[in-house]
C-alpha atoms as a PDB file:
ATOM      1  CA  UNK A   1      52.490 -67.303  41.012  1.00  0.00           C
ATOM      2  CA  UNK A   2      48.833 -68.259  42.697  1.00  0.00           C
ATOM      3  CA  UNK A   3      46.653 -68.826  39.912  1.00  0.00           C
ATOM      4  CA  UNK A   4      43.696 -67.742  41.784  1.00  0.00           C
ATOM      5  CA  UNK A   5      45.004 -64.252  41.887  1.00  0.00           C
ATOM      6  CA  UNK A   6      46.692 -63.961  38.130  1.00  0.00           C
ATOM      7  CA  UNK A   7      44.244 -60.977  37.425  1.00  0.00           C
ATOM      8  CA  UNK A   8      44.692 -59.374  40.472  1.00  0.00           C
ATOM      9  CA  UNK A   9      48.306 -59.692  40.536  1.00  0.00           C
ATOM     10  CA  UNK A  10      48.436 -57.819  37.356  1.00  0.00           C
ATOM     11  CA  UNK A  11      45.986 -55.198  38.669  1.00  0.00           C
ATOM     12  CA  UNK A  12      47.914 -54.362  41.767  1.00  0.00           C
ATOM     13  CA  UNK A  13      51.213 -54.006  39.260  1.00  0.00           C
ATOM     14  CA  UNK A  14      49.187 -51.636  37.500  1.00  0.00           C
ATOM     15  CA  UNK A  15      48.216 -50.048  40.728  1.00  0.00           C
ATOM     16  CA  UNK A  16      51.829 -49.712  41.766  1.00  0.00           C
ATOM     17  CA  UNK A  17      52.890 -48.113  38.753  1.00  0.00           C
ATOM     18  CA  UNK A  18      49.863 -45.304  39.316  1.00  0.00           C
ATOM     19  CA  UNK A  19      51.303 -44.731  42.417  1.00  0.00           C
ATOM     20  CA  UNK A  20      54.564 -44.150  41.078  1.00  0.00           C
ATOM     21  CA  UNK A  21      53.168 -41.884  38.348  1.00  0.00           C
ATOM     22  CA  UNK A  22      51.638 -39.737  40.950  1.00  0.00           C
ATOM     23  CA  UNK A  23      54.556 -39.499  43.190  1.00  0.00           C
ATOM     24  CA  UNK A  24      56.373 -38.198  40.157  1.00  0.00           C
ATOM     25  CA  UNK A  25      53.535 -35.658  39.440  1.00  0.00           C
ATOM     26  CA  UNK A  26      53.849 -34.327  42.756  1.00  0.00           C
ATOM     27  CA  UNK A  27      57.590 -34.274  42.305  1.00  0.00           C
ATOM     28  CA  UNK A  28      57.482 -32.256  39.130  1.00  0.00           C
ATOM     29  CA  UNK A  29      54.854 -29.935  41.002  1.00  0.00           C
ATOM     30  CA  UNK A  30      51.944 -30.764  38.677  1.00  0.00           C
ATOM     31  CA  UNK A  31      48.639 -28.995  39.023  1.00  0.00           C
ATOM     32  CA  UNK A  32      46.918 -30.506  42.014  1.00  0.00           C
ATOM     33  CA  UNK A  33      43.647 -31.231  40.576  1.00  0.00           C
ATOM     34  CA  UNK A  34      45.543 -33.695  37.940  1.00  0.00           C
ATOM     35  CA  UNK A  35      47.143 -35.070  40.835  1.00  0.00           C
ATOM     36  CA  UNK A  36      44.038 -35.417  42.817  1.00  0.00           C
ATOM     37  CA  UNK A  37      42.101 -37.136  39.672  1.00  0.00           C
ATOM     38  CA  UNK A  38      44.830 -39.447  39.147  1.00  0.00           C
ATOM     39  CA  UNK A  39      44.638 -40.590  43.042  1.00  0.00           C
ATOM     40  CA  UNK A  40      40.884 -40.929  42.629  1.00  0.00           C
ATOM     41  CA  UNK A  41      41.597 -43.402  39.526  1.00  0.00           C
ATOM     42  CA  UNK A  42      44.172 -45.174  41.796  1.00  0.00           C
ATOM     43  CA  UNK A  43      41.624 -45.608  44.623  1.00  0.00           C
ATOM     44  CA  UNK A  44      38.979 -46.748  42.211  1.00  0.00           C
ATOM     45  CA  UNK A  45      41.299 -49.492  40.909  1.00  0.00           C
ATOM     46  CA  UNK A  46      42.074 -50.580  44.381  1.00  0.00           C
ATOM     47  CA  UNK A  47      38.435 -50.601  45.522  1.00  0.00           C
ATOM     48  CA  UNK A  48      37.478 -52.928  42.417  1.00  0.00           C
ATOM     49  CA  UNK A  49      40.555 -55.084  43.151  1.00  0.00           C
ATOM     50  CA  UNK A  50      39.469 -55.307  46.786  1.00  0.00           C
ATOM     51  CA  UNK A  51      36.275 -56.540  45.728  1.00  0.00           C
ATOM     52  CA  UNK A  52      37.568 -59.289  43.526  1.00  0.00           C
ATOM     53  CA  UNK A  53      39.707 -60.766  46.165  1.00  0.00           C
ATOM     54  CA  UNK A  54      36.675 -60.764  48.296  1.00  0.00           C
ATOM     55  CA  UNK A  55      34.501 -62.692  45.832  1.00  0.00           C
ATOM     56  CA  UNK A  56      37.604 -65.029  45.417  1.00  0.00           C
ATOM     57  CA  UNK A  57      37.459 -65.545  48.840  1.00  0.00           C
ATOM     58  CA  UNK A  58      33.661 -66.015  49.166  1.00  0.00           C
ATOM     59  CA  UNK A  59      34.023 -68.509  46.506  1.00  0.00           C
ATOM     60  CA  UNK A  60      37.133 -70.585  47.419  1.00  0.00           C
ATOM     61  CA  UNK A  61      37.837 -70.362  51.113  1.00  0.00           C
ATOM     62  CA  UNK A  62      34.545 -69.681  52.768  1.00  0.00           C
ATOM     63  CA  UNK A  63      32.909 -72.118  50.338  1.00  0.00           C
ATOM     64  CA  UNK A  64      35.284 -74.780  51.402  1.00  0.00           C
ATOM     65  CA  UNK A  65      34.586 -74.355  55.236  1.00  0.00           C
ATOM     66  CA  UNK A  66      30.554 -74.361  54.115  1.00  0.00           C
ATOM     67  CA  UNK A  67      31.233 -77.713  52.174  1.00  0.00           C
ATOM     68  CA  UNK A  68      33.561 -79.149  54.831  1.00  0.00           C
ATOM     69  CA  UNK A  69      30.514 -78.950  57.815  1.00  0.00           C
ATOM     70  CA  UNK A  70      33.549 -78.060  59.869  1.00  0.00           C
ATOM     71  CA  UNK A  71      31.391 -75.822  62.302  1.00  0.00           C
ATOM     72  CA  UNK A  72      34.639 -74.200  63.720  1.00  0.00           C
ATOM     73  CA  UNK A  73      36.114 -73.223  60.378  1.00  0.00           C
ATOM     74  CA  UNK A  74      32.765 -71.936  59.338  1.00  0.00           C
ATOM     75  CA  UNK A  75      32.755 -69.827  62.271  1.00  0.00           C
ATOM     76  CA  UNK A  76      36.092 -68.489  61.877  1.00  0.00           C
ATOM     77  CA  UNK A  77      35.675 -67.771  58.039  1.00  0.00           C
ATOM     78  CA  UNK A  78      32.392 -65.952  59.148  1.00  0.00           C
ATOM     79  CA  UNK A  79      34.327 -63.619  62.038  1.00  0.00           C
ATOM     80  CA  UNK A  80      36.797 -62.982  59.811  1.00  0.00           C
ATOM     81  CA  UNK A  81      34.524 -61.356  57.220  1.00  0.00           C
ATOM     82  CA  UNK A  82      32.470 -59.565  60.068  1.00  0.00           C
ATOM     83  CA  UNK A  83      35.752 -57.962  61.205  1.00  0.00           C
ATOM     84  CA  UNK A  84      36.707 -57.354  57.960  1.00  0.00           C
ATOM     85  CA  UNK A  85      33.727 -55.547  57.101  1.00  0.00           C
ATOM     86  CA  UNK A  86      33.879 -53.921  60.206  1.00  0.00           C
ATOM     87  CA  UNK A  87      37.342 -52.344  59.246  1.00  0.00           C
ATOM     88  CA  UNK A  88      36.111 -51.384  55.658  1.00  0.00           C
ATOM     89  CA  UNK A  89      33.477 -49.199  57.133  1.00  0.00           C
ATOM     90  CA  UNK A  90      35.504 -46.871  59.151  1.00  0.00           C
END
């Protein structure tokens, strides 16, 4: 297991459990508002985890490109981030 993502992997496993729980709630015909609240909690957990992975990327991958002095690697990381933020804004 990658050490840099250890906490995020644990978070994703909890989110996976939340998704299974929501599916079970739907199968049981539980109250819609309860289901929606659980979906909202899952989305918040996923968003938080995404932000942490982005922070790891900036602190690790992007920083390596900057420190390397390799202009092409720097451009590549910058382009990746711009594309990612563009997709996140949709």
